[in-house]
Amino acid sequence: MVFGHNSNLKLGNITLHVQTEDRGVAHALLDTTVYYHGRVLHRRTNNYFDLLPLDDDRQQALKLRLEEQHRLVMDEIRSGILDLPIPPEPALPPIKPSPAPAAPPSESSRPAPLVIELVNAKNWLVGKRANLHVRLKQSTGAIAAVAGVVVEFEGADSQLVFRSQTDEQGEAHIEFDLPRITGAEPALVIRAVKDGAEGQLRFALRAKPRVPSV
Protein backbone atom coordinates (compact mmCIF):
# COMPACT_ATOMS: atom_id res chain seq x y z
CA MET A 1 0.00 0.00 0.00
CA VAL A 2 1.27 3.48 -0.89
CA PHE A 3 0.61 6.04 1.80
CA GLY A 4 -0.12 9.68 1.11
CA HIS A 5 1.56 12.78 2.44
CA ASN A 6 0.07 15.77 4.28
CA SER A 7 2.18 18.90 4.88
CA ASN A 8 1.50 22.37 6.22
CA LEU A 9 3.49 25.02 4.32
CA LYS A 10 3.83 28.47 5.90
CA LEU A 11 4.33 31.44 3.57
CA GLY A 12 4.59 34.73 5.44
CA ASN A 13 1.43 35.01 7.53
CA ILE A 14 -0.56 32.32 5.67
CA THR A 15 -0.47 28.54 5.96
CA LEU A 16 -1.24 26.22 3.06
CA HIS A 17 -2.02 22.53 3.34
CA VAL A 18 -0.55 20.24 0.68
CA GLN A 19 -1.99 16.73 0.36
CA THR A 20 -0.77 14.01 -2.01
CA GLU A 21 -2.38 10.59 -2.19
CA ASP A 22 -2.64 7.50 -4.33
CA ARG A 23 -6.16 7.06 -5.73
CA GLY A 24 -5.63 3.30 -5.96
CA VAL A 25 -4.82 0.93 -8.81
CA ALA A 26 -8.41 1.13 -10.10
CA HIS A 27 -7.66 4.73 -11.10
CA ALA A 28 -3.82 4.63 -11.14
CA LEU A 29 -3.59 8.32 -10.26
CA LEU A 30 -1.38 10.34 -7.93
CA ASP A 31 -3.34 13.40 -6.83
CA THR A 32 -1.81 16.48 -5.16
CA THR A 33 -4.14 19.19 -3.82
CA VAL A 34 -3.20 22.55 -2.26
CA TYR A 35 -5.73 23.95 0.25
CA TYR A 36 -6.16 27.32 1.91
CA HIS A 37 -8.83 27.33 4.65
CA GLY A 38 -10.47 24.34 2.96
CA ARG A 39 -10.53 26.02 -0.46
CA VAL A 40 -8.75 24.23 -3.32
CA LEU A 41 -6.09 26.48 -4.87
CA HIS A 42 -4.30 23.96 -7.07
CA ARG A 43 -4.66 20.32 -8.10
CA ARG A 44 -2.11 18.21 -9.95
CA THR A 45 -2.83 14.67 -11.13
CA ASN A 46 -0.47 12.21 -12.83
CA ASN A 47 -1.16 8.60 -13.79
CA TYR A 48 1.09 5.62 -13.21
CA PHE A 49 -0.20 3.24 -15.83
CA ASP A 50 3.41 2.41 -16.71
CA LEU A 51 3.88 0.76 -13.30
CA LEU A 52 0.92 -1.60 -13.56
CA PRO A 53 0.57 -4.35 -12.55
CA LEU A 54 2.30 -3.55 -9.26
CA ASP A 55 4.89 -5.87 -7.76
CA ASP A 56 7.33 -5.20 -4.91
CA ASP A 57 9.79 -3.25 -7.08
CA ARG A 58 7.10 -1.20 -8.80
CA GLN A 59 5.42 -0.55 -5.47
CA GLN A 60 8.65 1.02 -4.24
CA ALA A 61 8.95 3.03 -7.46
CA LEU A 62 5.38 4.28 -6.97
CA LYS A 63 6.14 5.33 -3.40
CA LEU A 64 9.15 7.33 -4.61
CA ARG A 65 7.10 8.90 -7.41
CA LEU A 66 4.41 9.99 -4.94
CA GLU A 67 7.02 11.53 -2.64
CA GLU A 68 8.68 13.31 -5.57
CA GLN A 69 5.36 14.79 -6.79
CA HIS A 70 4.57 16.03 -3.27
CA ARG A 71 8.05 17.56 -2.87
CA LEU A 72 7.97 19.17 -6.33
CA VAL A 73 4.66 20.98 -5.71
CA MET A 74 5.92 22.30 -2.37
CA ASP A 75 9.21 23.47 -3.95
CA GLU A 76 7.30 25.25 -6.73
CA ILE A 77 5.16 27.05 -4.14
CA ARG A 78 8.21 28.13 -2.11
CA SER A 79 10.09 29.38 -5.18
CA GLY A 80 7.09 31.21 -6.64
CA ILE A 81 7.04 29.10 -9.82
CA LEU A 82 3.54 27.99 -8.87
CA ASP A 83 1.52 31.20 -8.59
CA LEU A 84 -1.47 30.43 -6.38
CA PRO A 85 -4.64 32.59 -6.38
CA ILE A 86 -4.74 33.03 -2.61
CA PRO A 87 -8.02 34.76 -1.64
CA PRO A 88 -8.15 37.24 1.23
CA GLU A 89 -8.76 35.55 4.56
CA PRO A 90 -12.37 36.04 5.67
CA ALA A 91 -12.74 38.40 8.59
CA LEU A 92 -14.54 36.06 10.95
CA PRO A 93 -15.09 36.63 14.65
CA PRO A 94 -13.01 34.43 16.95
CA ILE A 95 -14.62 31.09 17.55
CA LYS A 96 -13.44 30.81 21.15
CA PRO A 97 -15.50 32.66 23.75
CA SER A 98 -14.10 35.75 25.37
CA PRO A 99 -12.97 35.51 29.00
CA ALA A 100 -15.91 35.62 31.35
CA PRO A 101 -16.50 38.95 33.12
CA ALA A 102 -15.86 39.24 36.82
CA ALA A 103 -19.57 39.03 37.57
CA PRO A 104 -21.50 36.35 35.67
CA PRO A 105 -24.18 37.79 33.40
CA SER A 106 -27.79 37.19 34.22
CA GLU A 107 -29.72 34.58 32.29
CA SER A 108 -31.68 37.29 30.49
CA SER A 109 -28.52 39.02 29.23
CA ARG A 110 -26.87 35.92 27.80
CA PRO A 111 -27.23 35.44 24.04
CA ALA A 112 -29.30 32.41 23.11
CA PRO A 113 -27.27 29.50 21.70
CA LEU A 114 -27.09 28.97 17.96
CA VAL A 115 -28.66 25.90 16.38
CA ILE A 116 -26.48 24.16 13.76
CA GLU A 117 -28.05 21.83 11.20
CA LEU A 118 -26.08 19.66 8.79
CA VAL A 119 -28.59 19.68 5.93
CA ASN A 120 -26.98 16.81 4.02
CA ALA A 121 -26.22 14.73 7.11
CA LYS A 122 -26.87 11.43 5.31
CA ASN A 123 -24.59 12.03 2.32
CA TRP A 124 -22.02 14.68 3.27
CA LEU A 125 -19.16 12.23 2.71
CA VAL A 126 -18.58 10.49 -0.63
CA GLY A 127 -15.42 8.41 -0.58
CA LYS A 128 -12.80 10.73 0.88
CA ARG A 129 -14.52 13.94 -0.27
CA ALA A 130 -16.53 15.94 2.25
CA ASN A 131 -19.13 18.50 1.19
CA LEU A 132 -20.90 20.04 4.18
CA HIS A 133 -24.12 22.01 3.76
CA VAL A 134 -24.60 23.84 7.04
CA ARG A 135 -27.68 25.81 8.08
CA LEU A 136 -27.52 28.11 11.09
CA LYS A 137 -30.40 29.53 13.12
CA GLN A 138 -30.88 31.31 16.39
CA SER A 139 -32.79 29.44 19.08
CA THR A 140 -35.79 31.63 18.26
CA GLY A 141 -35.82 30.17 14.75
CA ALA A 142 -34.49 33.34 13.11
CA ILE A 143 -31.87 32.93 10.39
CA ALA A 144 -28.29 33.49 11.58
CA ALA A 145 -26.79 35.31 8.59
CA VAL A 146 -23.12 36.28 8.24
CA ALA A 147 -22.03 34.04 11.12
CA GLY A 148 -18.61 32.44 11.44
CA VAL A 149 -18.46 28.67 10.90
CA VAL A 150 -15.46 26.46 11.72
CA VAL A 151 -15.04 22.75 10.92
CA GLU A 152 -12.32 20.63 12.50
CA PHE A 153 -11.57 17.00 13.24
CA GLU A 154 -10.71 15.25 16.46
CA GLY A 155 -8.40 12.30 15.89
CA ALA A 156 -6.91 13.51 12.57
CA ASP A 157 -3.18 13.27 11.87
CA SER A 158 -2.94 17.02 11.26
CA GLN A 159 -4.66 20.00 12.86
CA LEU A 160 -6.76 21.11 9.90
CA VAL A 161 -9.32 23.88 10.38
CA PHE A 162 -11.80 24.81 7.66
CA ARG A 163 -13.51 28.21 7.93
CA SER A 164 -16.49 29.77 6.22
CA GLN A 165 -19.43 32.04 7.01
CA THR A 166 -23.14 31.83 6.42
CA ASP A 167 -24.84 33.78 3.64
CA GLU A 168 -27.98 35.89 3.98
CA GLN A 169 -30.06 32.70 4.20
CA GLY A 170 -27.95 31.42 7.09
CA GLU A 171 -26.31 28.70 5.00
CA ALA A 172 -22.68 27.79 4.26
CA HIS A 173 -21.02 25.17 2.05
CA ILE A 174 -17.60 23.78 3.00
CA GLU A 175 -15.85 21.28 0.71
CA PHE A 176 -12.56 19.47 1.36
CA ASP A 177 -10.81 16.09 1.33
CA LEU A 178 -11.21 14.11 4.55
CA PRO A 179 -7.93 14.18 6.52
CA ARG A 180 -6.21 10.95 7.51
CA ILE A 181 -7.82 9.64 10.70
CA THR A 182 -5.44 8.17 13.28
CA GLY A 183 -7.25 8.63 16.61
CA ALA A 184 -9.21 5.91 18.37
CA GLU A 185 -12.38 8.02 18.64
CA PRO A 186 -12.41 10.42 15.65
CA ALA A 187 -15.13 13.04 15.46
CA LEU A 188 -16.31 15.84 13.19
CA VAL A 189 -16.90 19.11 15.03
CA ILE A 190 -18.80 22.07 13.56
CA ARG A 191 -18.79 25.29 15.56
CA ALA A 192 -20.43 28.65 14.91
CA VAL A 193 -20.42 32.10 16.48
CA LYS A 194 -22.38 35.32 15.92
CA ASP A 195 -22.60 38.39 18.13
CA GLY A 196 -21.43 36.47 21.20
CA ALA A 197 -23.82 33.55 20.64
CA GLU A 198 -22.27 30.15 19.98
CA GLY A 199 -23.28 26.69 18.87
CA GLN A 200 -21.58 23.35 18.36
CA LEU A 201 -22.42 20.12 16.55
CA ARG A 202 -20.26 17.03 17.14
CA PHE A 203 -20.59 13.43 16.09
CA ALA A 204 -18.35 10.40 15.85
CA LEU A 205 -16.96 9.23 12.51
CA ARG A 206 -17.78 5.65 11.66
CA ALA A 207 -17.51 3.44 8.59
CA LYS A 208 -20.89 4.78 7.52
CA PRO A 209 -21.55 8.28 8.96
CA ARG A 210 -24.78 8.53 10.89
CA VAL A 211 -27.03 11.50 11.25
CA PRO A 212 -25.47 13.73 13.93
CA SER A 213 -27.36 14.72 17.03
CA VAL A 214 -26.91 18.05 18.80
C-alpha atoms as a PDB file:
ATOM      1  CA  MET A   1       0.000   0.000   0.000  1.00  0.00           C
ATOM      2  CA  VAL A   2       1.268   3.477  -0.892  1.00  0.00           C
ATOM      3  CA  PHE A   3       0.614   6.041   1.798  1.00  0.00           C
ATOM      4  CA  GLY A   4      -0.123   9.678   1.109  1.00  0.00           C
ATOM      5  CA  HIS A   5       1.559  12.781   2.439  1.00  0.00           C
ATOM      6  CA  ASN A   6       0.074  15.774   4.281  1.00  0.00           C
ATOM      7  CA  SER A   7       2.179  18.899   4.879  1.00  0.00           C
ATOM      8  CA  ASN A   8       1.497  22.375   6.219  1.00  0.00           C
ATOM      9  CA  LEU A   9       3.486  25.016   4.321  1.00  0.00           C
ATOM     10  CA  LYS A  10       3.831  28.466   5.900  1.00  0.00           C
ATOM     11  CA  LEU A  11       4.333  31.436   3.568  1.00  0.00           C
ATOM     12  CA  GLY A  12       4.587  34.730   5.444  1.00  0.00           C
ATOM     13  CA  ASN A  13       1.433  35.010   7.526  1.00  0.00           C
ATOM     14  CA  ILE A  14      -0.559  32.324   5.670  1.00  0.00           C
ATOM     15  CA  THR A  15      -0.469  28.544   5.964  1.00  0.00           C
ATOM     16  CA  LEU A  16      -1.240  26.224   3.060  1.00  0.00           C
ATOM     17  CA  HIS A  17      -2.017  22.535   3.344  1.00  0.00           C
ATOM     18  CA  VAL A  18      -0.551  20.239   0.678  1.00  0.00           C
ATOM     19  CA  GLN A  19      -1.995  16.733   0.363  1.00  0.00           C
ATOM     20  CA  THR A  20      -0.774  14.012  -2.008  1.00  0.00           C
ATOM     21  CA  GLU A  21      -2.381  10.591  -2.192  1.00  0.00           C
ATOM     22  CA  ASP A  22      -2.643   7.499  -4.333  1.00  0.00           C
ATOM     23  CA  ARG A  23      -6.156   7.061  -5.726  1.00  0.00           C
ATOM     24  CA  GLY A  24      -5.628   3.303  -5.964  1.00  0.00           C
ATOM     25  CA  VAL A  25      -4.818   0.931  -8.811  1.00  0.00           C
ATOM     26  CA  ALA A  26      -8.406   1.127 -10.099  1.00  0.00           C
ATOM     27  CA  HIS A  27      -7.658   4.735 -11.100  1.00  0.00           C
ATOM     28  CA  ALA A  28      -3.823   4.631 -11.137  1.00  0.00           C
ATOM     29  CA  LEU A  29      -3.591   8.320 -10.265  1.00  0.00           C
ATOM     30  CA  LEU A  30      -1.377  10.343  -7.932  1.00  0.00           C
ATOM     31  CA  ASP A  31      -3.341  13.398  -6.832  1.00  0.00           C
ATOM     32  CA  THR A  32      -1.811  16.478  -5.158  1.00  0.00           C
ATOM     33  CA  THR A  33      -4.138  19.185  -3.820  1.00  0.00           C
ATOM     34  CA  VAL A  34      -3.205  22.551  -2.263  1.00  0.00           C
ATOM     35  CA  TYR A  35      -5.729  23.950   0.246  1.00  0.00           C
ATOM     36  CA  TYR A  36      -6.155  27.319   1.910  1.00  0.00           C
ATOM     37  CA  HIS A  37      -8.828  27.328   4.646  1.00  0.00           C
ATOM     38  CA  GLY A  38     -10.471  24.342   2.963  1.00  0.00           C
ATOM     39  CA  ARG A  39     -10.525  26.018  -0.463  1.00  0.00           C
ATOM     40  CA  VAL A  40      -8.746  24.225  -3.319  1.00  0.00           C
ATOM     41  CA  LEU A  41      -6.092  26.482  -4.869  1.00  0.00           C
ATOM     42  CA  HIS A  42      -4.302  23.959  -7.067  1.00  0.00           C
ATOM     43  CA  ARG A  43      -4.658  20.325  -8.103  1.00  0.00           C
ATOM     44  CA  ARG A  44      -2.105  18.209  -9.948  1.00  0.00           C
ATOM     45  CA  THR A  45      -2.827  14.673 -11.128  1.00  0.00           C
ATOM     46  CA  ASN A  46      -0.474  12.208 -12.827  1.00  0.00           C
ATOM     47  CA  ASN A  47      -1.163   8.604 -13.791  1.00  0.00           C
ATOM     48  CA  TYR A  48       1.094   5.623 -13.207  1.00  0.00           C
ATOM     49  CA  PHE A  49      -0.205   3.236 -15.826  1.00  0.00           C
ATOM     50  CA  ASP A  50       3.415   2.412 -16.714  1.00  0.00           C
ATOM     51  CA  LEU A  51       3.878   0.765 -13.296  1.00  0.00           C
ATOM     52  CA  LEU A  52       0.919  -1.603 -13.558  1.00  0.00           C
ATOM     53  CA  PRO A  53       0.565  -4.345 -12.545  1.00  0.00           C
ATOM     54  CA  LEU A  54       2.301  -3.554  -9.263  1.00  0.00           C
ATOM     55  CA  ASP A  55       4.894  -5.870  -7.763  1.00  0.00           C
ATOM     56  CA  ASP A  56       7.330  -5.204  -4.906  1.00  0.00           C
ATOM     57  CA  ASP A  57       9.795  -3.254  -7.080  1.00  0.00           C
ATOM     58  CA  ARG A  58       7.102  -1.203  -8.799  1.00  0.00           C
ATOM     59  CA  GLN A  59       5.415  -0.554  -5.472  1.00  0.00           C
ATOM     60  CA  GLN A  60       8.646   1.018  -4.236  1.00  0.00           C
ATOM     61  CA  ALA A  61       8.950   3.030  -7.463  1.00  0.00           C
ATOM     62  CA  LEU A  62       5.382   4.278  -6.966  1.00  0.00           C
ATOM     63  CA  LYS A  63       6.145   5.332  -3.404  1.00  0.00           C
ATOM     64  CA  LEU A  64       9.155   7.333  -4.613  1.00  0.00           C
ATOM     65  CA  ARG A  65       7.101   8.899  -7.407  1.00  0.00           C
ATOM     66  CA  LEU A  66       4.413   9.994  -4.939  1.00  0.00           C
ATOM     67  CA  GLU A  67       7.024  11.527  -2.639  1.00  0.00           C
ATOM     68  CA  GLU A  68       8.678  13.315  -5.575  1.00  0.00           C
ATOM     69  CA  GLN A  69       5.364  14.791  -6.788  1.00  0.00           C
ATOM     70  CA  HIS A  70       4.569  16.030  -3.266  1.00  0.00           C
ATOM     71  CA  ARG A  71       8.052  17.565  -2.867  1.00  0.00           C
ATOM     72  CA  LEU A  72       7.965  19.169  -6.332  1.00  0.00           C
ATOM     73  CA  VAL A  73       4.660  20.980  -5.706  1.00  0.00           C
ATOM     74  CA  MET A  74       5.924  22.297  -2.368  1.00  0.00           C
ATOM     75  CA  ASP A  75       9.213  23.467  -3.951  1.00  0.00           C
ATOM     76  CA  GLU A  76       7.298  25.253  -6.728  1.00  0.00           C
ATOM     77  CA  ILE A  77       5.159  27.049  -4.142  1.00  0.00           C
ATOM     78  CA  ARG A  78       8.209  28.126  -2.106  1.00  0.00           C
ATOM     79  CA  SER A  79      10.087  29.381  -5.184  1.00  0.00           C
ATOM     80  CA  GLY A  80       7.090  31.209  -6.644  1.00  0.00           C
ATOM     81  CA  ILE A  81       7.041  29.098  -9.816  1.00  0.00           C
ATOM     82  CA  LEU A  82       3.544  27.985  -8.869  1.00  0.00           C
ATOM     83  CA  ASP A  83       1.524  31.204  -8.586  1.00  0.00           C
ATOM     84  CA  LEU A  84      -1.472  30.434  -6.378  1.00  0.00           C
ATOM     85  CA  PRO A  85      -4.639  32.589  -6.381  1.00  0.00           C
ATOM     86  CA  ILE A  86      -4.739  33.034  -2.606  1.00  0.00           C
ATOM     87  CA  PRO A  87      -8.016  34.764  -1.638  1.00  0.00           C
ATOM     88  CA  PRO A  88      -8.152  37.245   1.234  1.00  0.00           C
ATOM     89  CA  GLU A  89      -8.760  35.545   4.558  1.00  0.00           C
ATOM     90  CA  PRO A  90     -12.372  36.045   5.666  1.00  0.00           C
ATOM     91  CA  ALA A  91     -12.739  38.402   8.592  1.00  0.00           C
ATOM     92  CA  LEU A  92     -14.535  36.062  10.955  1.00  0.00           C
ATOM     93  CA  PRO A  93     -15.093  36.634  14.646  1.00  0.00           C
ATOM     94  CA  PRO A  94     -13.008  34.431  16.955  1.00  0.00           C
ATOM     95  CA  ILE A  95     -14.623  31.094  17.553  1.00  0.00           C
ATOM     96  CA  LYS A  96     -13.435  30.805  21.145  1.00  0.00           C
ATOM     97  CA  PRO A  97     -15.497  32.655  23.745  1.00  0.00           C
ATOM     98  CA  SER A  98     -14.096  35.749  25.369  1.00  0.00           C
ATOM     99  CA  PRO A  99     -12.971  35.506  29.001  1.00  0.00           C
ATOM    100  CA  ALA A 100     -15.909  35.620  31.351  1.00  0.00           C
ATOM    101  CA  PRO A 101     -16.503  38.950  33.118  1.00  0.00           C
ATOM    102  CA  ALA A 102     -15.863  39.240  36.825  1.00  0.00           C
ATOM    103  CA  ALA A 103     -19.571  39.027  37.570  1.00  0.00           C
ATOM    104  CA  PRO A 104     -21.502  36.350  35.666  1.00  0.00           C
ATOM    105  CA  PRO A 105     -24.180  37.791  33.397  1.00  0.00           C
ATOM    106  CA  SER A 106     -27.785  37.189  34.221  1.00  0.00           C
ATOM    107  CA  GLU A 107     -29.721  34.581  32.286  1.00  0.00           C
ATOM    108  CA  SER A 108     -31.679  37.292  30.487  1.00  0.00           C
ATOM    109  CA  SER A 109     -28.522  39.022  29.229  1.00  0.00           C
ATOM    110  CA  ARG A 110     -26.866  35.919  27.802  1.00  0.00           C
ATOM    111  CA  PRO A 111     -27.233  35.439  24.038  1.00  0.00           C
ATOM    112  CA  ALA A 112     -29.304  32.414  23.107  1.00  0.00           C
ATOM    113  CA  PRO A 113     -27.273  29.499  21.698  1.00  0.00           C
ATOM    114  CA  LEU A 114     -27.093  28.967  17.962  1.00  0.00           C
ATOM    115  CA  VAL A 115     -28.657  25.896  16.377  1.00  0.00           C
ATOM    116  CA  ILE A 116     -26.484  24.161  13.760  1.00  0.00           C
ATOM    117  CA  GLU A 117     -28.051  21.826  11.200  1.00  0.00           C
ATOM    118  CA  LEU A 118     -26.084  19.661   8.787  1.00  0.00           C
ATOM    119  CA  VAL A 119     -28.592  19.682   5.932  1.00  0.00           C
ATOM    120  CA  ASN A 120     -26.976  16.815   4.022  1.00  0.00           C
ATOM    121  CA  ALA A 121     -26.218  14.735   7.115  1.00  0.00           C
ATOM    122  CA  LYS A 122     -26.865  11.432   5.308  1.00  0.00           C
ATOM    123  CA  ASN A 123     -24.593  12.030   2.323  1.00  0.00           C
ATOM    124  CA  TRP A 124     -22.018  14.683   3.270  1.00  0.00           C
ATOM    125  CA  LEU A 125     -19.160  12.228   2.715  1.00  0.00           C
ATOM    126  CA  VAL A 126     -18.580  10.490  -0.632  1.00  0.00           C
ATOM    127  CA  GLY A 127     -15.424   8.411  -0.576  1.00  0.00           C
ATOM    128  CA  LYS A 128     -12.797  10.730   0.883  1.00  0.00           C
ATOM    129  CA  ARG A 129     -14.518  13.937  -0.269  1.00  0.00           C
ATOM    130  CA  ALA A 130     -16.530  15.936   2.249  1.00  0.00           C
ATOM    131  CA  ASN A 131     -19.134  18.504   1.195  1.00  0.00           C
ATOM    132  CA  LEU A 132     -20.901  20.044   4.181  1.00  0.00           C
ATOM    133  CA  HIS A 133     -24.116  22.005   3.757  1.00  0.00           C
ATOM    134  CA  VAL A 134     -24.597  23.843   7.041  1.00  0.00           C
ATOM    135  CA  ARG A 135     -27.685  25.808   8.079  1.00  0.00           C
ATOM    136  CA  LEU A 136     -27.516  28.107  11.093  1.00  0.00           C
ATOM    137  CA  LYS A 137     -30.399  29.534  13.118  1.00  0.00           C
ATOM    138  CA  GLN A 138     -30.877  31.306  16.391  1.00  0.00           C
ATOM    139  CA  SER A 139     -32.794  29.442  19.076  1.00  0.00           C
ATOM    140  CA  THR A 140     -35.790  31.633  18.264  1.00  0.00           C
ATOM    141  CA  GLY A 141     -35.820  30.170  14.753  1.00  0.00           C
ATOM    142  CA  ALA A 142     -34.487  33.340  13.112  1.00  0.00           C
ATOM    143  CA  ILE A 143     -31.867  32.929  10.386  1.00  0.00           C
ATOM    144  CA  ALA A 144     -28.286  33.488  11.578  1.00  0.00           C
ATOM    145  CA  ALA A 145     -26.795  35.312   8.589  1.00  0.00           C
ATOM    146  CA  VAL A 146     -23.116  36.278   8.237  1.00  0.00           C
ATOM    147  CA  ALA A 147     -22.026  34.041  11.123  1.00  0.00           C
ATOM    148  CA  GLY A 148     -18.607  32.442  11.438  1.00  0.00           C
ATOM    149  CA  VAL A 149     -18.456  28.668  10.896  1.00  0.00           C
ATOM    150  CA  VAL A 150     -15.456  26.456  11.721  1.00  0.00           C
ATOM    151  CA  VAL A 151     -15.036  22.752  10.918  1.00  0.00           C
ATOM    152  CA  GLU A 152     -12.316  20.632  12.503  1.00  0.00           C
ATOM    153  CA  PHE A 153     -11.572  16.998  13.238  1.00  0.00           C
ATOM    154  CA  GLU A 154     -10.710  15.247  16.462  1.00  0.00           C
ATOM    155  CA  GLY A 155      -8.400  12.301  15.885  1.00  0.00           C
ATOM    156  CA  ALA A 156      -6.909  13.513  12.568  1.00  0.00           C
ATOM    157  CA  ASP A 157      -3.178  13.268  11.874  1.00  0.00           C
ATOM    158  CA  SER A 158      -2.939  17.021  11.256  1.00  0.00           C
ATOM    159  CA  GLN A 159      -4.663  20.004  12.856  1.00  0.00           C
ATOM    160  CA  LEU A 160      -6.757  21.112   9.896  1.00  0.00           C
ATOM    161  CA  VAL A 161      -9.317  23.878  10.382  1.00  0.00           C
ATOM    162  CA  PHE A 162     -11.796  24.813   7.659  1.00  0.00           C
ATOM    163  CA  ARG A 163     -13.514  28.209   7.930  1.00  0.00           C
ATOM    164  CA  SER A 164     -16.488  29.773   6.221  1.00  0.00           C
ATOM    165  CA  GLN A 165     -19.425  32.037   7.011  1.00  0.00           C
ATOM    166  CA  THR A 166     -23.139  31.831   6.417  1.00  0.00           C
ATOM    167  CA  ASP A 167     -24.844  33.778   3.645  1.00  0.00           C
ATOM    168  CA  GLU A 168     -27.978  35.894   3.984  1.00  0.00           C
ATOM    169  CA  GLN A 169     -30.056  32.695   4.196  1.00  0.00           C
ATOM    170  CA  GLY A 170     -27.954  31.420   7.095  1.00  0.00           C
ATOM    171  CA  GLU A 171     -26.313  28.701   5.003  1.00  0.00           C
ATOM    172  CA  ALA A 172     -22.682  27.788   4.262  1.00  0.00           C
ATOM    173  CA  HIS A 173     -21.016  25.175   2.051  1.00  0.00           C
ATOM    174  CA  ILE A 174     -17.597  23.781   2.999  1.00  0.00           C
ATOM    175  CA  GLU A 175     -15.847  21.281   0.708  1.00  0.00           C
ATOM    176  CA  PHE A 176     -12.558  19.469   1.357  1.00  0.00           C
ATOM    177  CA  ASP A 177     -10.814  16.090   1.333  1.00  0.00           C
ATOM    178  CA  LEU A 178     -11.207  14.110   4.545  1.00  0.00           C
ATOM    179  CA  PRO A 179      -7.927  14.178   6.520  1.00  0.00           C
ATOM    180  CA  ARG A 180      -6.207  10.950   7.507  1.00  0.00           C
ATOM    181  CA  ILE A 181      -7.815   9.643  10.699  1.00  0.00           C
ATOM    182  CA  THR A 182      -5.439   8.167  13.281  1.00  0.00           C
ATOM    183  CA  GLY A 183      -7.253   8.631  16.610  1.00  0.00           C
ATOM    184  CA  ALA A 184      -9.213   5.908  18.367  1.00  0.00           C
ATOM    185  CA  GLU A 185     -12.383   8.018  18.636  1.00  0.00           C
ATOM    186  CA  PRO A 186     -12.414  10.417  15.652  1.00  0.00           C
ATOM    187  CA  ALA A 187     -15.131  13.042  15.463  1.00  0.00           C
ATOM    188  CA  LEU A 188     -16.310  15.837  13.187  1.00  0.00           C
ATOM    189  CA  VAL A 189     -16.896  19.114  15.028  1.00  0.00           C
ATOM    190  CA  ILE A 190     -18.805  22.067  13.556  1.00  0.00           C
ATOM    191  CA  ARG A 191     -18.794  25.292  15.556  1.00  0.00           C
ATOM    192  CA  ALA A 192     -20.430  28.645  14.912  1.00  0.00           C
ATOM    193  CA  VAL A 193     -20.421  32.103  16.482  1.00  0.00           C
ATOM    194  CA  LYS A 194     -22.382  35.316  15.921  1.00  0.00           C
ATOM    195  CA  ASP A 195     -22.597  38.390  18.126  1.00  0.00           C
ATOM    196  CA  GLY A 196     -21.432  36.467  21.200  1.00  0.00           C
ATOM    197  CA  ALA A 197     -23.820  33.550  20.641  1.00  0.00           C
ATOM    198  CA  GLU A 198     -22.269  30.148  19.980  1.00  0.00           C
ATOM    199  CA  GLY A 199     -23.281  26.686  18.868  1.00  0.00           C
ATOM    200  CA  GLN A 200     -21.581  23.345  18.359  1.00  0.00           C
ATOM    201  CA  LEU A 201     -22.420  20.120  16.546  1.00  0.00           C
ATOM    202  CA  ARG A 202     -20.264  17.028  17.143  1.00  0.00           C
ATOM    203  CA  PHE A 203     -20.595  13.434  16.087  1.00  0.00           C
ATOM    204  CA  ALA A 204     -18.351  10.396  15.845  1.00  0.00           C
ATOM    205  CA  LEU A 205     -16.958   9.232  12.511  1.00  0.00           C
ATOM    206  CA  ARG A 206     -17.777   5.653  11.660  1.00  0.00           C
ATOM    207  CA  ALA A 207     -17.512   3.436   8.594  1.00  0.00           C
ATOM    208  CA  LYS A 208     -20.888   4.784   7.521  1.00  0.00           C
ATOM    209  CA  PRO A 209     -21.549   8.278   8.956  1.00  0.00           C
ATOM    210  CA  ARG A 210     -24.779   8.527  10.886  1.00  0.00           C
ATOM    211  CA  VAL A 211     -27.033  11.495  11.251  1.00  0.00           C
ATOM    212  CA  PRO A 212     -25.471  13.731  13.933  1.00  0.00           C
ATOM    213  CA  SER A 213     -27.364  14.717  17.026  1.00  0.00           C
ATOM    214  CA  VAL A 214     -26.912  18.050  18.800  1.00  0.00           C
END
